[in-house]
């Protein structure tokens, strides 16, 4: 499986690597990197953080909006939101679910 992990915290990247290391994981740190990756490849699993550093509040929502408009993503990708910001995470989940994508909230600490 191909996995895309979007987060600004190195520790979270390590949690996903430990949980899904047997898969092909692409690690990205910014919304721009995530969108660029989504333009060039398809992923079976996409994980999204909402806040990507102090200057990047809500960038995860920008990626969720991008995913929501991708053709065919409803049938292929599982999208997980793992942001610590409950309001931002809810906005991402609403955006994805409104587009017909069965997104879920996860806690990366529970992946071990």
PDB file of N, CA and C in Angstrom:
ATOM      1  N   UNK A   1       0.832  -1.183   0.000  1.00  0.00           N
ATOM      2  CA  UNK A   1       0.000   0.000   0.000  1.00  0.00           C
ATOM      3  C   UNK A   1       0.877   1.247   0.000  1.00  0.00           C
ATOM      4  N   UNK A   2       0.338   2.291  -0.578  1.00  0.00           N
ATOM      5  CA  UNK A   2       1.021   3.593  -0.575  1.00  0.00           C
ATOM      6  C   UNK A   2       0.365   4.477   0.475  1.00  0.00           C
ATOM      7  N   UNK A   3       1.201   5.083   1.325  1.00  0.00           N
ATOM      8  CA  UNK A   3       0.721   5.911   2.431  1.00  0.00           C
ATOM      9  C   UNK A   3       1.347   7.296   2.323  1.00  0.00           C
ATOM     10  N   UNK A   4       0.510   8.332   2.519  1.00  0.00           N
ATOM     11  CA  UNK A   4       0.989   9.714   2.569  1.00  0.00           C
ATOM     12  C   UNK A   4       0.751  10.231   3.977  1.00  0.00           C
ATOM     13  N   UNK A   5       1.810  10.694   4.632  1.00  0.00           N
ATOM     14  CA  UNK A   5       1.721  11.228   5.995  1.00  0.00           C
ATOM     15  C   UNK A   5       2.055  12.712   5.947  1.00  0.00           C
ATOM     16  N   UNK A   6       1.077  13.545   6.346  1.00  0.00           N
ATOM     17  CA  UNK A   6       1.280  14.990   6.441  1.00  0.00           C
ATOM     18  C   UNK A   6       1.290  15.384   7.906  1.00  0.00           C
ATOM     19  N   UNK A   7       2.420  15.885   8.366  1.00  0.00           N
ATOM     20  CA  UNK A   7       2.543  16.361   9.746  1.00  0.00           C
ATOM     21  C   UNK A   7       3.800  17.196   9.865  1.00  0.00           C
ATOM     22  N   UNK A   8       3.811  18.108  10.839  1.00  0.00           N
ATOM     23  CA  UNK A   8       4.997  18.930  11.080  1.00  0.00           C
ATOM     24  C   UNK A   8       5.809  18.434  12.268  1.00  0.00           C
ATOM     25  N   UNK A   9       5.340  17.370  12.922  1.00  0.00           N
ATOM     26  CA  UNK A   9       6.016  16.838  14.109  1.00  0.00           C
ATOM     27  C   UNK A   9       6.810  15.573  13.754  1.00  0.00           C
ATOM     28  N   UNK A  10       8.128  15.601  13.918  1.00  0.00           N
ATOM     29  CA  UNK A  10       8.933  14.403  13.619  1.00  0.00           C
ATOM     30  C   UNK A  10       8.481  13.165  14.395  1.00  0.00           C
ATOM     31  N   UNK A  11       8.039  13.343  15.641  1.00  0.00           N
ATOM     32  CA  UNK A  11       7.622  12.192  16.455  1.00  0.00           C
ATOM     33  C   UNK A  11       6.408  11.495  15.844  1.00  0.00           C
ATOM     34  N   UNK A  12       5.493  12.259  15.268  1.00  0.00           N
ATOM     35  CA  UNK A  12       4.328  11.636  14.635  1.00  0.00           C
ATOM     36  C   UNK A  12       4.739  10.883  13.372  1.00  0.00           C
ATOM     37  N   UNK A  13       5.664  11.442  12.625  1.00  0.00           N
ATOM     38  CA  UNK A  13       6.154  10.714  11.448  1.00  0.00           C
ATOM     39  C   UNK A  13       6.739   9.369  11.879  1.00  0.00           C
ATOM     40  N   UNK A  14       7.454   9.365  12.992  1.00  0.00           N
ATOM     41  CA  UNK A  14       8.040   8.122  13.492  1.00  0.00           C
ATOM     42  C   UNK A  14       6.963   7.128  13.926  1.00  0.00           C
ATOM     43  N   UNK A  15       5.866   7.622  14.538  1.00  0.00           N
ATOM     44  CA  UNK A  15       4.772   6.730  14.938  1.00  0.00           C
ATOM     45  C   UNK A  15       4.152   6.054  13.717  1.00  0.00           C
ATOM     46  N   UNK A  16       3.906   6.827  12.669  1.00  0.00           N
ATOM     47  CA  UNK A  16       3.326   6.247  11.459  1.00  0.00           C
ATOM     48  C   UNK A  16       4.311   5.284  10.788  1.00  0.00           C
ATOM     49  N   UNK A  17       5.580   5.625  10.815  1.00  0.00           N
ATOM     50  CA  UNK A  17       6.598   4.742  10.233  1.00  0.00           C
ATOM     51  C   UNK A  17       6.653   3.419  11.001  1.00  0.00           C
ATOM     52  N   UNK A  18       6.568   3.494  12.315  1.00  0.00           N
ATOM     53  CA  UNK A  18       6.593   2.275  13.129  1.00  0.00           C
ATOM     54  C   UNK A  18       5.354   1.417  12.875  1.00  0.00           C
ATOM     55  N   UNK A  19       4.210   2.052  12.694  1.00  0.00           N
ATOM     56  CA  UNK A  19       2.962   1.318  12.499  1.00  0.00           C
ATOM     57  C   UNK A  19       2.828   0.762  11.088  1.00  0.00           C
ATOM     58  N   UNK A  20       3.252   1.516  10.096  1.00  0.00           N
ATOM     59  CA  UNK A  20       3.009   1.154   8.700  1.00  0.00           C
ATOM     60  C   UNK A  20       4.304   1.032   7.902  1.00  0.00           C
ATOM     61  N   UNK A  21       5.407   0.774   8.566  1.00  0.00           N
ATOM     62  CA  UNK A  21       6.711   0.727   7.913  1.00  0.00           C
ATOM     63  C   UNK A  21       6.841  -0.310   6.819  1.00  0.00           C
ATOM     64  N   UNK A  22       5.970  -1.321   6.822  1.00  0.00           N
ATOM     65  CA  UNK A  22       6.030  -2.340   5.772  1.00  0.00           C
ATOM     66  C   UNK A  22       5.459  -1.824   4.462  1.00  0.00           C
ATOM     67  N   UNK A  23       4.840  -0.647   4.493  1.00  0.00           N
ATOM     68  CA  UNK A  23       4.241  -0.058   3.296  1.00  0.00           C
ATOM     69  C   UNK A  23       5.142   1.037   2.728  1.00  0.00           C
ATOM     70  N   UNK A  24       4.812   1.487   1.542  1.00  0.00           N
ATOM     71  CA  UNK A  24       5.536   2.564   0.865  1.00  0.00           C
ATOM     72  C   UNK A  24       5.019   3.898   1.413  1.00  0.00           C
ATOM     73  N   UNK A  25       5.781   4.530   2.306  1.00  0.00           N
ATOM     74  CA  UNK A  25       5.339   5.749   2.975  1.00  0.00           C
ATOM     75  C   UNK A  25       6.035   6.969   2.380  1.00  0.00           C
ATOM     76  N   UNK A  26       5.240   7.973   2.055  1.00  0.00           N
ATOM     77  CA  UNK A  26       5.755   9.273   1.643  1.00  0.00           C
ATOM     78  C   UNK A  26       5.503  10.232   2.797  1.00  0.00           C
ATOM     79  N   UNK A  27       6.572  10.812   3.327  1.00  0.00           N
ATOM     80  CA  UNK A  27       6.456  11.761   4.439  1.00  0.00           C
ATOM     81  C   UNK A  27       6.527  13.184   3.884  1.00  0.00           C
ATOM     82  N   UNK A  28       5.526  14.008   4.232  1.00  0.00           N
ATOM     83  CA  UNK A  28       5.528  15.409   3.829  1.00  0.00           C
ATOM     84  C   UNK A  28       5.266  16.268   5.061  1.00  0.00           C
ATOM     85  N   UNK A  29       5.777  17.491   5.011  1.00  0.00           N
ATOM     86  CA  UNK A  29       5.765  18.367   6.180  1.00  0.00           C
ATOM     87  C   UNK A  29       4.905  19.609   5.990  1.00  0.00           C
ATOM     88  N   UNK A  30       4.543  19.913   4.746  1.00  0.00           N
ATOM     89  CA  UNK A  30       3.766  21.121   4.462  1.00  0.00           C
ATOM     90  C   UNK A  30       2.588  20.779   3.550  1.00  0.00           C
ATOM     91  N   UNK A  31       1.603  21.677   3.531  1.00  0.00           N
ATOM     92  CA  UNK A  31       0.455  21.488   2.649  1.00  0.00           C
ATOM     93  C   UNK A  31       0.886  21.476   1.196  1.00  0.00           C
ATOM     94  N   UNK A  32       1.806  22.334   0.838  1.00  0.00           N
ATOM     95  CA  UNK A  32       2.277  22.375  -0.551  1.00  0.00           C
ATOM     96  C   UNK A  32       2.913  21.058  -0.964  1.00  0.00           C
ATOM     97  N   UNK A  33       3.719  20.470  -0.084  1.00  0.00           N
ATOM     98  CA  UNK A  33       4.333  19.168  -0.385  1.00  0.00           C
ATOM     99  C   UNK A  33       3.265  18.087  -0.532  1.00  0.00           C
ATOM    100  N   UNK A  34       2.249  18.133   0.339  1.00  0.00           N
ATOM    101  CA  UNK A  34       1.176  17.134   0.279  1.00  0.00           C
ATOM    102  C   UNK A  34       0.414  17.234  -1.033  1.00  0.00           C
ATOM    103  N   UNK A  35       0.054  18.440  -1.426  1.00  0.00           N
ATOM    104  CA  UNK A  35      -0.693  18.630  -2.673  1.00  0.00           C
ATOM    105  C   UNK A  35       0.154  18.211  -3.864  1.00  0.00           C
ATOM    106  N   UNK A  36       1.435  18.538  -3.833  1.00  0.00           N
ATOM    107  CA  UNK A  36       2.337  18.123  -4.910  1.00  0.00           C
ATOM    108  C   UNK A  36       2.394  16.591  -4.996  1.00  0.00           C
ATOM    109  N   UNK A  37       2.468  15.926  -3.846  1.00  0.00           N
ATOM    110  CA  UNK A  37       2.504  14.457  -3.823  1.00  0.00           C
ATOM    111  C   UNK A  37       1.203  13.879  -4.359  1.00  0.00           C
ATOM    112  N   UNK A  38       0.075  14.474  -3.979  1.00  0.00           N
ATOM    113  CA  UNK A  38      -1.231  13.987  -4.435  1.00  0.00           C
ATOM    114  C   UNK A  38      -1.436  14.214  -5.931  1.00  0.00           C
ATOM    115  N   UNK A  39      -0.765  15.211  -6.476  1.00  0.00           N
ATOM    116  CA  UNK A  39      -0.857  15.457  -7.928  1.00  0.00           C
ATOM    117  C   UNK A  39      -0.075  14.424  -8.731  1.00  0.00           C
ATOM    118  N   UNK A  40       0.945  13.843  -8.118  1.00  0.00           N
ATOM    119  CA  UNK A  40       1.839  12.969  -8.874  1.00  0.00           C
ATOM    120  C   UNK A  40       1.642  11.484  -8.599  1.00  0.00           C
ATOM    121  N   UNK A  41       0.872  11.135  -7.573  1.00  0.00           N
ATOM    122  CA  UNK A  41       0.685   9.716  -7.232  1.00  0.00           C
ATOM    123  C   UNK A  41      -0.661   9.524  -6.551  1.00  0.00           C
ATOM    124  N   UNK A  42      -1.108   8.271  -6.522  1.00  0.00           N
ATOM    125  CA  UNK A  42      -2.318   7.948  -5.769  1.00  0.00           C
ATOM    126  C   UNK A  42      -1.891   7.209  -4.497  1.00  0.00           C
ATOM    127  N   UNK A  43      -2.690   7.347  -3.463  1.00  0.00           N
ATOM    128  CA  UNK A  43      -2.369   6.764  -2.161  1.00  0.00           C
ATOM    129  C   UNK A  43      -3.549   5.959  -1.650  1.00  0.00           C
ATOM    130  N   UNK A  44      -3.249   4.872  -0.974  1.00  0.00           N
ATOM    131  CA  UNK A  44      -4.280   4.049  -0.355  1.00  0.00           C
ATOM    132  C   UNK A  44      -4.701   4.626   0.985  1.00  0.00           C
ATOM    133  N   UNK A  45      -3.736   5.242   1.672  1.00  0.00           N
ATOM    134  CA  UNK A  45      -3.984   5.862   2.974  1.00  0.00           C
ATOM    135  C   UNK A  45      -3.365   7.252   2.960  1.00  0.00           C
ATOM    136  N   UNK A  46      -4.135   8.228   3.444  1.00  0.00           N
ATOM    137  CA  UNK A  46      -3.633   9.594   3.598  1.00  0.00           C
ATOM    138  C   UNK A  46      -3.920  10.009   5.029  1.00  0.00           C
ATOM    139  N   UNK A  47      -2.898  10.504   5.724  1.00  0.00           N
ATOM    140  CA  UNK A  47      -3.102  11.023   7.080  1.00  0.00           C
ATOM    141  C   UNK A  47      -2.855  12.525   7.059  1.00  0.00           C
ATOM    142  N   UNK A  48      -3.702  13.250   7.783  1.00  0.00           N
ATOM    143  CA  UNK A  48      -3.633  14.711   7.752  1.00  0.00           C
ATOM    144  C   UNK A  48      -3.597  15.300   9.146  1.00  0.00           C
ATOM    145  N   UNK A  49      -2.694  16.212   9.354  1.00  0.00           N
ATOM    146  CA  UNK A  49      -2.658  17.054  10.548  1.00  0.00           C
ATOM    147  C   UNK A  49      -3.252  18.398  10.140  1.00  0.00           C
ATOM    148  N   UNK A  50      -3.906  19.091  11.061  1.00  0.00           N
ATOM    149  CA  UNK A  50      -4.546  20.374  10.737  1.00  0.00           C
ATOM    150  C   UNK A  50      -3.562  21.528  10.786  1.00  0.00           C
ATOM    151  N   UNK A  51      -2.893  21.679  11.900  1.00  0.00           N
ATOM    152  CA  UNK A  51      -1.970  22.800  12.094  1.00  0.00           C
ATOM    153  C   UNK A  51      -0.545  22.322  11.828  1.00  0.00           C
ATOM    154  N   UNK A  52       0.097  22.961  10.877  1.00  0.00           N
ATOM    155  CA  UNK A  52       1.439  22.538  10.475  1.00  0.00           C
ATOM    156  C   UNK A  52       2.459  23.594  10.857  1.00  0.00           C
ATOM    157  N   UNK A  53       2.544  23.867  12.135  1.00  0.00           N
ATOM    158  CA  UNK A  53       3.470  24.877  12.632  1.00  0.00           C
ATOM    159  C   UNK A  53       2.760  26.194  12.873  1.00  0.00           C
ATOM    160  N   UNK A  54       3.410  27.086  13.609  1.00  0.00           N
ATOM    161  CA  UNK A  54       2.769  28.341  14.012  1.00  0.00           C
ATOM    162  C   UNK A  54       2.305  29.211  12.844  1.00  0.00           C
ATOM    163  N   UNK A  55       3.011  29.185  11.756  1.00  0.00           N
ATOM    164  CA  UNK A  55       2.640  30.038  10.620  1.00  0.00           C
ATOM    165  C   UNK A  55       1.723  29.318   9.644  1.00  0.00           C
ATOM    166  N   UNK A  56       1.328  28.094   9.963  1.00  0.00           N
ATOM    167  CA  UNK A  56       0.572  27.282   9.011  1.00  0.00           C
ATOM    168  C   UNK A  56      -0.733  26.774   9.600  1.00  0.00           C
ATOM    169  N   UNK A  57      -1.393  27.603  10.394  1.00  0.00           N
ATOM    170  CA  UNK A  57      -2.666  27.212  10.994  1.00  0.00           C
ATOM    171  C   UNK A  57      -3.670  26.882   9.889  1.00  0.00           C
ATOM    172  N   UNK A  58      -4.249  25.709   9.952  1.00  0.00           N
ATOM    173  CA  UNK A  58      -5.291  25.330   9.016  1.00  0.00           C
ATOM    174  C   UNK A  58      -4.822  24.802   7.682  1.00  0.00           C
ATOM    175  N   UNK A  59      -3.526  24.625   7.494  1.00  0.00           N
ATOM    176  CA  UNK A  59      -3.041  24.125   6.207  1.00  0.00           C
ATOM    177  C   UNK A  59      -3.541  22.714   5.906  1.00  0.00           C
ATOM    178  N   UNK A  60      -3.775  21.923   6.945  1.00  0.00           N
ATOM    179  CA  UNK A  60      -4.330  20.594   6.728  1.00  0.00           C
ATOM    180  C   UNK A  60      -5.715  20.655   6.104  1.00  0.00           C
ATOM    181  N   UNK A  61      -6.487  21.675   6.460  1.00  0.00           N
ATOM    182  CA  UNK A  61      -7.812  21.860   5.865  1.00  0.00           C
ATOM    183  C   UNK A  61      -7.687  22.154   4.381  1.00  0.00           C
ATOM    184  N   UNK A  62      -6.675  22.895   4.003  1.00  0.00           N
ATOM    185  CA  UNK A  62      -6.441  23.173   2.578  1.00  0.00           C
ATOM    186  C   UNK A  62      -6.194  21.865   1.819  1.00  0.00           C
ATOM    187  N   UNK A  63      -5.455  20.950   2.423  1.00  0.00           N
ATOM    188  CA  UNK A  63      -5.201  19.655   1.790  1.00  0.00           C
ATOM    189  C   UNK A  63      -6.488  18.824   1.751  1.00  0.00           C
ATOM    190  N   UNK A  64      -7.265  18.845   2.827  1.00  0.00           N
ATOM    191  CA  UNK A  64      -8.539  18.117   2.841  1.00  0.00           C
ATOM    192  C   UNK A  64      -9.451  18.619   1.727  1.00  0.00           C
ATOM    193  N   UNK A  65      -9.484  19.930   1.527  1.00  0.00           N
ATOM    194  CA  UNK A  65     -10.302  20.493   0.438  1.00  0.00           C
ATOM    195  C   UNK A  65      -9.785  20.034  -0.922  1.00  0.00           C
ATOM    196  N   UNK A  66      -8.485  19.951  -1.070  1.00  0.00           N
ATOM    197  CA  UNK A  66      -7.903  19.467  -2.319  1.00  0.00           C
ATOM    198  C   UNK A  66      -8.305  18.007  -2.558  1.00  0.00           C
ATOM    199  N   UNK A  67      -8.180  17.173  -1.528  1.00  0.00           N
ATOM    200  CA  UNK A  67      -8.542  15.759  -1.645  1.00  0.00           C
ATOM    201  C   UNK A  67     -10.021  15.612  -1.992  1.00  0.00           C
ATOM    202  N   UNK A  68     -10.858  16.437  -1.389  1.00  0.00           N
ATOM    203  CA  UNK A  68     -12.303  16.346  -1.605  1.00  0.00           C
ATOM    204  C   UNK A  68     -12.691  16.555  -3.060  1.00  0.00           C
ATOM    205  N   UNK A  69     -11.897  17.273  -3.803  1.00  0.00           N
ATOM    206  CA  UNK A  69     -12.240  17.514  -5.207  1.00  0.00           C
ATOM    207  C   UNK A  69     -11.533  16.575  -6.179  1.00  0.00           C
ATOM    208  N   UNK A  70     -10.702  15.668  -5.669  1.00  0.00           N
ATOM    209  CA  UNK A  70     -10.001  14.730  -6.549  1.00  0.00           C
ATOM    210  C   UNK A  70     -10.964  13.680  -7.106  1.00  0.00           C
ATOM    211  N   UNK A  71     -10.942  13.439  -8.400  1.00  0.00           N
ATOM    212  CA  UNK A  71     -11.811  12.395  -8.955  1.00  0.00           C
ATOM    213  C   UNK A  71     -11.331  11.004  -8.539  1.00  0.00           C
ATOM    214  N   UNK A  72     -12.264  10.153  -8.201  1.00  0.00           N
ATOM    215  CA  UNK A  72     -11.938   8.770  -7.882  1.00  0.00           C
ATOM    216  C   UNK A  72     -11.426   8.514  -6.486  1.00  0.00           C
ATOM    217  N   UNK A  73     -11.153   9.545  -5.703  1.00  0.00           N
ATOM    218  CA  UNK A  73     -10.564   9.325  -4.380  1.00  0.00           C
ATOM    219  C   UNK A  73     -11.560   8.648  -3.430  1.00  0.00           C
ATOM    220  N   UNK A  74     -12.840   8.824  -3.645  1.00  0.00           N
ATOM    221  CA  UNK A  74     -13.845   8.217  -2.774  1.00  0.00           C
ATOM    222  C   UNK A  74     -13.734   6.690  -2.758  1.00  0.00           C
ATOM    223  N   UNK A  75     -13.350   6.124  -3.884  1.00  0.00           N
ATOM    224  CA  UNK A  75     -13.281   4.675  -3.988  1.00  0.00           C
ATOM    225  C   UNK A  75     -11.921   4.103  -3.595  1.00  0.00           C
ATOM    226  N   UNK A  76     -10.904   4.924  -3.540  1.00  0.00           N
ATOM    227  CA  UNK A  76      -9.563   4.365  -3.390  1.00  0.00           C
ATOM    228  C   UNK A  76      -8.878   4.667  -2.069  1.00  0.00           C
ATOM    229  N   UNK A  77      -9.051   5.842  -1.517  1.00  0.00           N
ATOM    230  CA  UNK A  77      -8.226   6.234  -0.373  1.00  0.00           C
ATOM    231  C   UNK A  77      -8.981   6.167   0.947  1.00  0.00           C
ATOM    232  N   UNK A  78      -8.245   5.786   1.976  1.00  0.00           N
ATOM    233  CA  UNK A  78      -8.724   5.939   3.347  1.00  0.00           C
ATOM    234  C   UNK A  78      -8.023   7.178   3.877  1.00  0.00           C
ATOM    235  N   UNK A  79      -8.787   8.112   4.409  1.00  0.00           N
ATOM    236  CA  UNK A  79      -8.202   9.355   4.905  1.00  0.00           C
ATOM    237  C   UNK A  79      -8.402   9.401   6.413  1.00  0.00           C
ATOM    238  N   UNK A  80      -7.298   9.648   7.115  1.00  0.00           N
ATOM    239  CA  UNK A  80      -7.318   9.739   8.569  1.00  0.00           C
ATOM    240  C   UNK A  80      -6.866  11.135   8.985  1.00  0.00           C
ATOM    241  N   UNK A  81      -7.614  11.727   9.909  1.00  0.00           N
ATOM    242  CA  UNK A  81      -7.272  13.024  10.470  1.00  0.00           C
ATOM    243  C   UNK A  81      -6.707  12.774  11.859  1.00  0.00           C
ATOM    244  N   UNK A  82      -5.542  13.339  12.128  1.00  0.00           N
ATOM    245  CA  UNK A  82      -4.900  13.092  13.419  1.00  0.00           C
ATOM    246  C   UNK A  82      -4.460  14.390  14.098  1.00  0.00           C
ATOM    247  N   UNK A  83      -5.106  15.480  13.776  1.00  0.00           N
ATOM    248  CA  UNK A  83      -4.728  16.765  14.353  1.00  0.00           C
ATOM    249  C   UNK A  83      -5.115  16.893  15.814  1.00  0.00           C
ATOM    250  N   UNK A  84      -4.331  17.649  16.550  1.00  0.00           N
ATOM    251  CA  UNK A  84      -4.609  17.903  17.965  1.00  0.00           C
ATOM    252  C   UNK A  84      -5.598  19.041  18.154  1.00  0.00           C
ATOM    253  N   UNK A  85      -5.912  19.757  17.096  1.00  0.00           N
ATOM    254  CA  UNK A  85      -6.856  20.862  17.140  1.00  0.00           C
ATOM    255  C   UNK A  85      -8.251  20.301  16.865  1.00  0.00           C
ATOM    256  N   UNK A  86      -9.125  20.202  17.899  1.00  0.00           N
ATOM    257  CA  UNK A  86     -10.420  19.551  17.687  1.00  0.00           C
ATOM    258  C   UNK A  86     -11.332  20.297  16.711  1.00  0.00           C
ATOM    259  N   UNK A  87     -11.300  21.603  16.722  1.00  0.00           N
ATOM    260  CA  UNK A  87     -12.144  22.375  15.797  1.00  0.00           C
ATOM    261  C   UNK A  87     -11.644  22.195  14.368  1.00  0.00           C
ATOM    262  N   UNK A  88     -10.338  22.283  14.179  1.00  0.00           N
ATOM    263  CA  UNK A  88      -9.756  22.094  12.856  1.00  0.00           C
ATOM    264  C   UNK A  88      -9.964  20.688  12.338  1.00  0.00           C
ATOM    265  N   UNK A  89      -9.795  19.697  13.210  1.00  0.00           N
ATOM    266  CA  UNK A  89     -10.003  18.307  12.802  1.00  0.00           C
ATOM    267  C   UNK A  89     -11.447  18.078  12.373  1.00  0.00           C
ATOM    268  N   UNK A  90     -12.390  18.656  13.120  1.00  0.00           N
ATOM    269  CA  UNK A  90     -13.808  18.523  12.766  1.00  0.00           C
ATOM    270  C   UNK A  90     -14.089  19.154  11.403  1.00  0.00           C
ATOM    271  N   UNK A  91     -13.469  20.283  11.122  1.00  0.00           N
ATOM    272  CA  UNK A  91     -13.661  20.939   9.821  1.00  0.00           C
ATOM    273  C   UNK A  91     -13.119  20.068   8.690  1.00  0.00           C
ATOM    274  N   UNK A  92     -11.977  19.433   8.920  1.00  0.00           N
ATOM    275  CA  UNK A  92     -11.413  18.552   7.896  1.00  0.00           C
ATOM    276  C   UNK A  92     -12.314  17.340   7.682  1.00  0.00           C
ATOM    277  N   UNK A  93     -12.776  16.734   8.767  1.00  0.00           N
ATOM    278  CA  UNK A  93     -13.665  15.576   8.650  1.00  0.00           C
ATOM    279  C   UNK A  93     -14.950  15.957   7.926  1.00  0.00           C
ATOM    280  N   UNK A  94     -15.537  17.087   8.270  1.00  0.00           N
ATOM    281  CA  UNK A  94     -16.764  17.542   7.602  1.00  0.00           C
ATOM    282  C   UNK A  94     -16.541  17.750   6.118  1.00  0.00           C
ATOM    283  N   UNK A  95     -15.433  18.384   5.757  1.00  0.00           N
ATOM    284  CA  UNK A  95     -15.113  18.634   4.349  1.00  0.00           C
ATOM    285  C   UNK A  95     -15.005  17.320   3.580  1.00  0.00           C
ATOM    286  N   UNK A  96     -14.285  16.374   4.134  1.00  0.00           N
ATOM    287  CA  UNK A  96     -14.074  15.090   3.459  1.00  0.00           C
ATOM    288  C   UNK A  96     -15.362  14.276   3.391  1.00  0.00           C
ATOM    289  N   UNK A  97     -16.093  14.222   4.482  1.00  0.00           N
ATOM    290  CA  UNK A  97     -17.333  13.438   4.510  1.00  0.00           C
ATOM    291  C   UNK A  97     -18.394  14.038   3.597  1.00  0.00           C
ATOM    292  N   UNK A  98     -18.444  15.359   3.521  1.00  0.00           N
ATOM    293  CA  UNK A  98     -19.389  16.024   2.620  1.00  0.00           C
ATOM    294  C   UNK A  98     -19.106  15.631   1.164  1.00  0.00           C
ATOM    295  N   UNK A  99     -17.854  15.342   0.858  1.00  0.00           N
ATOM    296  CA  UNK A  99     -17.466  14.913  -0.489  1.00  0.00           C
ATOM    297  C   UNK A  99     -17.656  13.408  -0.690  1.00  0.00           C
ATOM    298  N   UNK A 100     -18.172  12.722   0.326  1.00  0.00           N
ATOM    299  CA  UNK A 100     -18.402  11.286   0.207  1.00  0.00           C
ATOM    300  C   UNK A 100     -17.219  10.423   0.577  1.00  0.00           C
ATOM    301  N   UNK A 101     -16.234  11.005   1.229  1.00  0.00           N
ATOM    302  CA  UNK A 101     -15.034  10.271   1.636  1.00  0.00           C
ATOM    303  C   UNK A 101     -15.197   9.868   3.095  1.00  0.00           C
ATOM    304  N   UNK A 102     -15.071   8.596   3.378  1.00  0.00           N
ATOM    305  CA  UNK A 102     -15.257   8.093   4.735  1.00  0.00           C
ATOM    306  C   UNK A 102     -14.059   8.355   5.619  1.00  0.00           C
ATOM    307  N   UNK A 103     -13.804   9.606   5.905  1.00  0.00           N
ATOM    308  CA  UNK A 103     -12.649   9.973   6.725  1.00  0.00           C
ATOM    309  C   UNK A 103     -12.909   9.643   8.193  1.00  0.00           C
ATOM    310  N   UNK A 104     -11.816   9.378   8.914  1.00  0.00           N
ATOM    311  CA  UNK A 104     -11.900   9.039  10.337  1.00  0.00           C
ATOM    312  C   UNK A 104     -10.866   9.816  11.126  1.00  0.00           C
ATOM    313  N   UNK A 105     -11.195  10.091  12.374  1.00  0.00           N
ATOM    314  CA  UNK A 105     -10.249  10.686  13.322  1.00  0.00           C
ATOM    315  C   UNK A 105      -9.460   9.532  13.948  1.00  0.00           C
ATOM    316  N   UNK A 106      -8.142   9.677  14.023  1.00  0.00           N
ATOM    317  CA  UNK A 106      -7.320   8.673  14.706  1.00  0.00           C
ATOM    318  C   UNK A 106      -6.354   9.361  15.649  1.00  0.00           C
ATOM    319  N   UNK A 107      -5.876   8.606  16.603  1.00  0.00           N
ATOM    320  CA  UNK A 107      -4.838   9.059  17.522  1.00  0.00           C
ATOM    321  C   UNK A 107      -3.566   8.282  17.161  1.00  0.00           C
ATOM    322  N   UNK A 108      -2.539   8.974  16.655  1.00  0.00           N
ATOM    323  CA  UNK A 108      -1.323   8.252  16.251  1.00  0.00           C
ATOM    324  C   UNK A 108      -0.707   7.421  17.381  1.00  0.00           C
ATOM    325  N   UNK A 109      -0.925   7.822  18.626  1.00  0.00           N
ATOM    326  CA  UNK A 109      -0.369   7.057  19.744  1.00  0.00           C
ATOM    327  C   UNK A 109      -1.005   5.679  19.853  1.00  0.00           C
ATOM    328  N   UNK A 110      -2.196   5.513  19.293  1.00  0.00           N
ATOM    329  CA  UNK A 110      -2.878   4.220  19.359  1.00  0.00           C
ATOM    330  C   UNK A 110      -2.460   3.276  18.242  1.00  0.00           C
ATOM    331  N   UNK A 111      -1.597   3.719  17.363  1.00  0.00           N
ATOM    332  CA  UNK A 111      -1.166   2.883  16.252  1.00  0.00           C
ATOM    333  C   UNK A 111      -0.140   1.844  16.662  1.00  0.00           C
ATOM    334  N   UNK A 112       0.490   2.023  17.793  1.00  0.00           N
ATOM    335  CA  UNK A 112       1.549   1.098  18.220  1.00  0.00           C
ATOM    336  C   UNK A 112       1.014  -0.267  18.530  1.00  0.00           C
TER     337      UNK A 112
END
